Amino acid sequence: MTNKIQIKKFIIGAACFMIMATGIGAAGQQSASAATPASNTIAQPSVVAVSSNSAQKKDKIIAFSKTLIGKVKYKFGVNNPSKLWFDCSSFTKYVFAKQGISLKWGSKAQSQQGVYVAKKNLIKGDLVFFSVGTPGKVNHVGIYIGNGKFIQNTIGGSVNGVIISDLSKYSSRYITARRVG
């Protein structure tokens, strides 16, 4: 059983590396499945109002997440705030909780919280979701920080932890976005 868990962790780690590696050459490309929201059954608004209080919370989320660069270690399937060991979704869960916004653990679960936001309407603090394995399947999450960038907790190559990335380099892996809180 331990070998199966280690293999799964390796596969997910490799997939996270692939999102970074393939994102670089994929600028401007978007799969057909990436253009659709997580739930295809209900028409969803593409513009969602944001209160000033909510905007202040999102600014604090982004500021706090940036303070974790170089401090957090990526570990698949781990949610350990005392050691600052997180996977991508436990990282988002942790930083949002610091502003009183409750998120579930798991990128797929988080992709069903809040309300759908069209990619063209992203604002700071929106959750952005990607596929790092099976095309069209949500299994990675980050936080949009504005100016076409997002912050994520990931692993691959020399990276193990929180980094800021260009959203355009991930367009072939982009699935959807949600606004929470």
C-alpha atoms as a PDB file:
ATOM      1  CA  MET A   1       0.000   0.000   0.000  1.00  0.00           C
ATOM      2  CA  THR A   2       2.853   2.368   0.806  1.00  0.00           C
ATOM      3  CA  ASN A   3       4.312   1.884  -2.678  1.00  0.00           C
ATOM      4  CA  LYS A   4       0.973   2.830  -4.267  1.00  0.00           C
ATOM      5  CA  ILE A   5       0.863   6.048  -2.233  1.00  0.00           C
ATOM      6  CA  GLN A   6       4.466   6.878  -3.150  1.00  0.00           C
ATOM      7  CA  ILE A   7       3.746   6.219  -6.820  1.00  0.00           C
ATOM      8  CA  LYS A   8       0.659   8.449  -6.685  1.00  0.00           C
ATOM      9  CA  LYS A   9       2.669  11.229  -5.015  1.00  0.00           C
ATOM     10  CA  PHE A  10       5.353  10.903  -7.681  1.00  0.00           C
ATOM     11  CA  ILE A  11       2.782  11.062 -10.488  1.00  0.00           C
ATOM     12  CA  ILE A  12       1.099  14.158  -9.050  1.00  0.00           C
ATOM     13  CA  GLY A  13       4.477  15.803  -8.440  1.00  0.00           C
ATOM     14  CA  ALA A  14       5.502  15.050 -12.014  1.00  0.00           C
ATOM     15  CA  ALA A  15       2.168  16.394 -13.251  1.00  0.00           C
ATOM     16  CA  CYS A  16       2.697  19.632 -11.321  1.00  0.00           C
ATOM     17  CA  PHE A  17       6.111  19.890 -12.948  1.00  0.00           C
ATOM     18  CA  MET A  18       4.473  19.328 -16.341  1.00  0.00           C
ATOM     19  CA  ILE A  19       2.063  22.223 -15.805  1.00  0.00           C
ATOM     20  CA  MET A  20       5.070  24.440 -15.246  1.00  0.00           C
ATOM     21  CA  ALA A  21       7.106  22.996 -18.113  1.00  0.00           C
ATOM     22  CA  THR A  22       4.352  22.828 -20.713  1.00  0.00           C
ATOM     23  CA  GLY A  23       2.835  26.114 -19.641  1.00  0.00           C
ATOM     24  CA  ILE A  24       5.862  27.950 -20.959  1.00  0.00           C
ATOM     25  CA  GLY A  25       5.351  26.785 -24.560  1.00  0.00           C
ATOM     26  CA  ALA A  26       1.588  26.901 -24.502  1.00  0.00           C
ATOM     27  CA  ALA A  27       0.922  30.632 -24.351  1.00  0.00           C
ATOM     28  CA  GLY A  28      -2.194  31.591 -26.208  1.00  0.00           C
ATOM     29  CA  GLN A  29      -3.511  28.053 -26.572  1.00  0.00           C
ATOM     30  CA  GLN A  30      -6.688  26.948 -24.860  1.00  0.00           C
ATOM     31  CA  SER A  31      -8.381  23.588 -25.161  1.00  0.00           C
ATOM     32  CA  ALA A  32     -12.088  23.343 -25.880  1.00  0.00           C
ATOM     33  CA  SER A  33     -12.714  21.940 -22.412  1.00  0.00           C
ATOM     34  CA  ALA A  34     -10.863  24.849 -20.815  1.00  0.00           C
ATOM     35  CA  ALA A  35     -13.321  27.312 -22.304  1.00  0.00           C
ATOM     36  CA  THR A  36     -16.239  25.815 -20.406  1.00  0.00           C
ATOM     37  CA  PRO A  37     -17.080  26.391 -16.749  1.00  0.00           C
ATOM     38  CA  ALA A  38     -16.807  23.547 -14.212  1.00  0.00           C
ATOM     39  CA  SER A  39     -20.551  22.947 -14.425  1.00  0.00           C
ATOM     40  CA  ASN A  40     -21.925  22.850 -17.945  1.00  0.00           C
ATOM     41  CA  THR A  41     -25.515  22.362 -16.880  1.00  0.00           C
ATOM     42  CA  ILE A  42     -26.349  25.842 -15.587  1.00  0.00           C
ATOM     43  CA  ALA A  43     -25.738  29.140 -17.360  1.00  0.00           C
ATOM     44  CA  GLN A  44     -23.519  31.146 -15.080  1.00  0.00           C
ATOM     45  CA  PRO A  45     -22.907  34.896 -14.965  1.00  0.00           C
ATOM     46  CA  SER A  46     -19.559  36.108 -16.236  1.00  0.00           C
ATOM     47  CA  VAL A  47     -19.499  39.241 -14.085  1.00  0.00           C
ATOM     48  CA  VAL A  48     -19.851  39.066 -10.316  1.00  0.00           C
ATOM     49  CA  ALA A  49     -20.041  42.137  -8.085  1.00  0.00           C
ATOM     50  CA  VAL A  50     -17.443  42.505  -5.345  1.00  0.00           C
ATOM     51  CA  SER A  51     -17.907  44.580  -2.193  1.00  0.00           C
ATOM     52  CA  SER A  52     -15.117  46.852  -0.992  1.00  0.00           C
ATOM     53  CA  ASN A  53     -14.859  44.755   2.200  1.00  0.00           C
ATOM     54  CA  SER A  54     -14.400  41.653   0.073  1.00  0.00           C
ATOM     55  CA  ALA A  55     -11.778  43.427  -2.068  1.00  0.00           C
ATOM     56  CA  GLN A  56      -9.858  44.372   1.091  1.00  0.00           C
ATOM     57  CA  LYS A  57      -9.952  40.744   2.228  1.00  0.00           C
ATOM     58  CA  LYS A  58      -8.648  39.594  -1.148  1.00  0.00           C
ATOM     59  CA  ASP A  59      -5.798  42.134  -0.995  1.00  0.00           C
ATOM     60  CA  LYS A  60      -4.883  40.745   2.432  1.00  0.00           C
ATOM     61  CA  ILE A  61      -5.050  37.171   1.095  1.00  0.00           C
ATOM     62  CA  ILE A  62      -2.647  38.069  -1.691  1.00  0.00           C
ATOM     63  CA  ALA A  63      -0.304  39.984   0.618  1.00  0.00           C
ATOM     64  CA  PHE A  64      -0.252  37.081   3.094  1.00  0.00           C
ATOM     65  CA  SER A  65       0.288  34.461   0.384  1.00  0.00           C
ATOM     66  CA  LYS A  66       3.287  36.440  -0.902  1.00  0.00           C
ATOM     67  CA  THR A  67       4.840  36.387   2.593  1.00  0.00           C
ATOM     68  CA  LEU A  68       4.865  32.575   2.333  1.00  0.00           C
ATOM     69  CA  ILE A  69       7.210  32.519  -0.680  1.00  0.00           C
ATOM     70  CA  GLY A  70      10.312  30.634   0.430  1.00  0.00           C
ATOM     71  CA  LYS A  71       8.648  29.429   3.640  1.00  0.00           C
ATOM     72  CA  VAL A  72       6.096  26.856   2.434  1.00  0.00           C
ATOM     73  CA  LYS A  73       7.013  23.372   1.254  1.00  0.00           C
ATOM     74  CA  TYR A  74       4.833  21.550  -1.285  1.00  0.00           C
ATOM     75  CA  LYS A  75       3.783  18.054  -0.215  1.00  0.00           C
ATOM     76  CA  PHE A  76       1.073  16.204  -2.099  1.00  0.00           C
ATOM     77  CA  GLY A  77      -1.925  15.311   0.049  1.00  0.00           C
ATOM     78  CA  VAL A  78      -0.640  17.251   3.062  1.00  0.00           C
ATOM     79  CA  ASN A  79      -2.317  19.984   5.097  1.00  0.00           C
ATOM     80  CA  ASN A  80       0.097  20.799   7.910  1.00  0.00           C
ATOM     81  CA  PRO A  81      -0.065  24.491   8.870  1.00  0.00           C
ATOM     82  CA  SER A  82       2.288  24.056  11.855  1.00  0.00           C
ATOM     83  CA  LYS A  83       5.139  23.007   9.536  1.00  0.00           C
ATOM     84  CA  LEU A  84       3.911  25.060   6.538  1.00  0.00           C
ATOM     85  CA  TRP A  85       3.648  21.891   4.428  1.00  0.00           C
ATOM     86  CA  PHE A  86       0.768  22.058   1.956  1.00  0.00           C
ATOM     87  CA  ASP A  87      -0.439  20.766  -1.351  1.00  0.00           C
ATOM     88  CA  CYS A  88      -1.930  23.346  -3.731  1.00  0.00           C
ATOM     89  CA  SER A  89      -5.455  23.278  -2.281  1.00  0.00           C
ATOM     90  CA  SER A  90      -4.486  23.139   1.389  1.00  0.00           C
ATOM     91  CA  PHE A  91      -2.333  26.204   0.656  1.00  0.00           C
ATOM     92  CA  THR A  92      -5.328  28.139  -0.738  1.00  0.00           C
ATOM     93  CA  LYS A  93      -7.475  26.837   2.137  1.00  0.00           C
ATOM     94  CA  TYR A  94      -4.875  28.105   4.631  1.00  0.00           C
ATOM     95  CA  VAL A  95      -4.436  31.606   3.195  1.00  0.00           C
ATOM     96  CA  PHE A  96      -8.181  32.183   2.698  1.00  0.00           C
ATOM     97  CA  ALA A  97      -8.898  30.980   6.262  1.00  0.00           C
ATOM     98  CA  LYS A  98      -6.620  33.762   7.566  1.00  0.00           C
ATOM     99  CA  GLN A  99      -9.298  36.188   6.292  1.00  0.00           C
ATOM    100  CA  GLY A 100     -12.230  34.146   7.600  1.00  0.00           C
ATOM    101  CA  ILE A 101     -13.101  32.520   4.264  1.00  0.00           C
ATOM    102  CA  SER A 102     -13.693  28.806   4.537  1.00  0.00           C
ATOM    103  CA  LEU A 103     -12.579  26.598   1.655  1.00  0.00           C
ATOM    104  CA  LYS A 104     -12.810  22.848   1.354  1.00  0.00           C
ATOM    105  CA  TRP A 105      -9.643  20.830   0.927  1.00  0.00           C
ATOM    106  CA  GLY A 106      -9.117  19.606  -2.618  1.00  0.00           C
ATOM    107  CA  SER A 107      -8.867  21.530  -5.878  1.00  0.00           C
ATOM    108  CA  LYS A 108     -11.904  19.787  -7.365  1.00  0.00           C
ATOM    109  CA  ALA A 109     -13.989  20.617  -4.266  1.00  0.00           C
ATOM    110  CA  GLN A 110     -12.794  24.242  -4.333  1.00  0.00           C
ATOM    111  CA  SER A 111     -13.698  24.498  -8.032  1.00  0.00           C
ATOM    112  CA  GLN A 112     -17.326  23.996  -7.020  1.00  0.00           C
ATOM    113  CA  GLN A 113     -17.387  26.677  -4.301  1.00  0.00           C
ATOM    114  CA  GLY A 114     -18.369  30.290  -4.824  1.00  0.00           C
ATOM    115  CA  VAL A 115     -19.455  31.463  -8.263  1.00  0.00           C
ATOM    116  CA  TYR A 116     -18.048  30.952 -11.738  1.00  0.00           C
ATOM    117  CA  VAL A 117     -15.945  33.775 -13.184  1.00  0.00           C
ATOM    118  CA  ALA A 118     -15.040  34.049 -16.861  1.00  0.00           C
ATOM    119  CA  LYS A 119     -11.298  34.247 -17.478  1.00  0.00           C
ATOM    120  CA  LYS A 120     -11.674  37.715 -18.986  1.00  0.00           C
ATOM    121  CA  ASN A 121     -13.332  38.931 -15.750  1.00  0.00           C
ATOM    122  CA  LEU A 122     -10.759  37.684 -13.238  1.00  0.00           C
ATOM    123  CA  ILE A 123     -10.006  39.974 -10.320  1.00  0.00           C
ATOM    124  CA  LYS A 124      -7.496  39.725  -7.498  1.00  0.00           C
ATOM    125  CA  GLY A 125      -8.319  36.894  -5.114  1.00  0.00           C
ATOM    126  CA  ASP A 126     -10.202  34.679  -7.575  1.00  0.00           C
ATOM    127  CA  LEU A 127      -9.271  31.016  -7.504  1.00  0.00           C
ATOM    128  CA  VAL A 128      -7.935  29.696 -10.817  1.00  0.00           C
ATOM    129  CA  PHE A 129      -8.030  25.998 -11.657  1.00  0.00           C
ATOM    130  CA  PHE A 130      -5.918  23.865 -13.937  1.00  0.00           C
ATOM    131  CA  SER A 131      -5.432  20.360 -15.217  1.00  0.00           C
ATOM    132  CA  VAL A 132      -2.029  18.859 -14.482  1.00  0.00           C
ATOM    133  CA  GLY A 133      -2.876  15.311 -15.478  1.00  0.00           C
ATOM    134  CA  THR A 134      -5.993  14.256 -17.297  1.00  0.00           C
ATOM    135  CA  PRO A 135      -6.939  17.009 -19.784  1.00  0.00           C
ATOM    136  CA  GLY A 136     -10.067  18.860 -18.671  1.00  0.00           C
ATOM    137  CA  LYS A 137      -9.962  17.483 -15.109  1.00  0.00           C
ATOM    138  CA  VAL A 138      -9.365  19.980 -12.287  1.00  0.00           C
ATOM    139  CA  ASN A 139      -6.452  18.935 -10.089  1.00  0.00           C
ATOM    140  CA  HIS A 140      -4.502  22.138  -9.391  1.00  0.00           C
ATOM    141  CA  VAL A 141      -5.457  25.532  -7.945  1.00  0.00           C
ATOM    142  CA  GLY A 142      -3.857  28.940  -7.526  1.00  0.00           C
ATOM    143  CA  ILE A 143      -4.906  32.467  -6.588  1.00  0.00           C
ATOM    144  CA  TYR A 144      -5.179  35.190  -9.222  1.00  0.00           C
ATOM    145  CA  ILE A 145      -3.183  38.228  -8.054  1.00  0.00           C
ATOM    146  CA  GLY A 146      -3.877  40.622 -10.928  1.00  0.00           C
ATOM    147  CA  ASN A 147      -1.943  41.771 -14.002  1.00  0.00           C
ATOM    148  CA  GLY A 148      -2.181  38.316 -15.598  1.00  0.00           C
ATOM    149  CA  LYS A 149      -0.395  36.568 -12.725  1.00  0.00           C
ATOM    150  CA  PHE A 150      -1.322  34.012 -10.097  1.00  0.00           C
ATOM    151  CA  ILE A 151       0.326  32.582  -6.997  1.00  0.00           C
ATOM    152  CA  GLN A 152       0.488  28.850  -6.452  1.00  0.00           C
ATOM    153  CA  ASN A 153       2.071  26.191  -4.285  1.00  0.00           C
ATOM    154  CA  THR A 154       3.723  23.652  -6.563  1.00  0.00           C
ATOM    155  CA  ILE A 155       6.650  21.323  -7.139  1.00  0.00           C
ATOM    156  CA  GLY A 156       8.838  20.656 -10.128  1.00  0.00           C
ATOM    157  CA  GLY A 157      12.429  21.042 -11.169  1.00  0.00           C
ATOM    158  CA  SER A 158      14.108  23.315  -8.641  1.00  0.00           C
ATOM    159  CA  VAL A 159      10.743  24.625  -7.390  1.00  0.00           C
ATOM    160  CA  ASN A 160       9.168  23.336  -4.200  1.00  0.00           C
ATOM    161  CA  GLY A 161       6.796  25.834  -2.720  1.00  0.00           C
ATOM    162  CA  VAL A 162       4.996  29.072  -3.413  1.00  0.00           C
ATOM    163  CA  ILE A 163       5.718  30.878  -6.679  1.00  0.00           C
ATOM    164  CA  ILE A 164       4.153  33.603  -8.798  1.00  0.00           C
ATOM    165  CA  SER A 165       3.425  32.565 -12.385  1.00  0.00           C
ATOM    166  CA  ASP A 166       2.118  34.123 -15.590  1.00  0.00           C
ATOM    167  CA  LEU A 167      -1.410  32.901 -16.317  1.00  0.00           C
ATOM    168  CA  SER A 168      -0.771  33.150 -20.063  1.00  0.00           C
ATOM    169  CA  LYS A 169       1.860  30.418 -19.811  1.00  0.00           C
ATOM    170  CA  TYR A 170      -0.782  28.044 -18.431  1.00  0.00           C
ATOM    171  CA  SER A 171      -3.592  28.694 -20.904  1.00  0.00           C
ATOM    172  CA  SER A 172      -3.531  25.164 -22.344  1.00  0.00           C
ATOM    173  CA  ARG A 173      -4.044  23.816 -18.804  1.00  0.00           C
ATOM    174  CA  TYR A 174      -6.538  26.440 -17.586  1.00  0.00           C
ATOM    175  CA  ILE A 175      -9.992  25.040 -16.734  1.00  0.00           C
ATOM    176  CA  THR A 176     -12.062  27.603 -14.813  1.00  0.00           C
ATOM    177  CA  ALA A 177     -12.124  30.233 -12.060  1.00  0.00           C
ATOM    178  CA  ARG A 178     -14.290  30.819  -9.014  1.00  0.00           C
ATOM    179  CA  ARG A 179     -14.929  33.797  -6.784  1.00  0.00           C
ATOM    180  CA  VAL A 180     -15.364  32.968  -3.102  1.00  0.00           C
ATOM    181  CA  GLY A 181     -15.908  35.088  -0.019  1.00  0.00           C
END
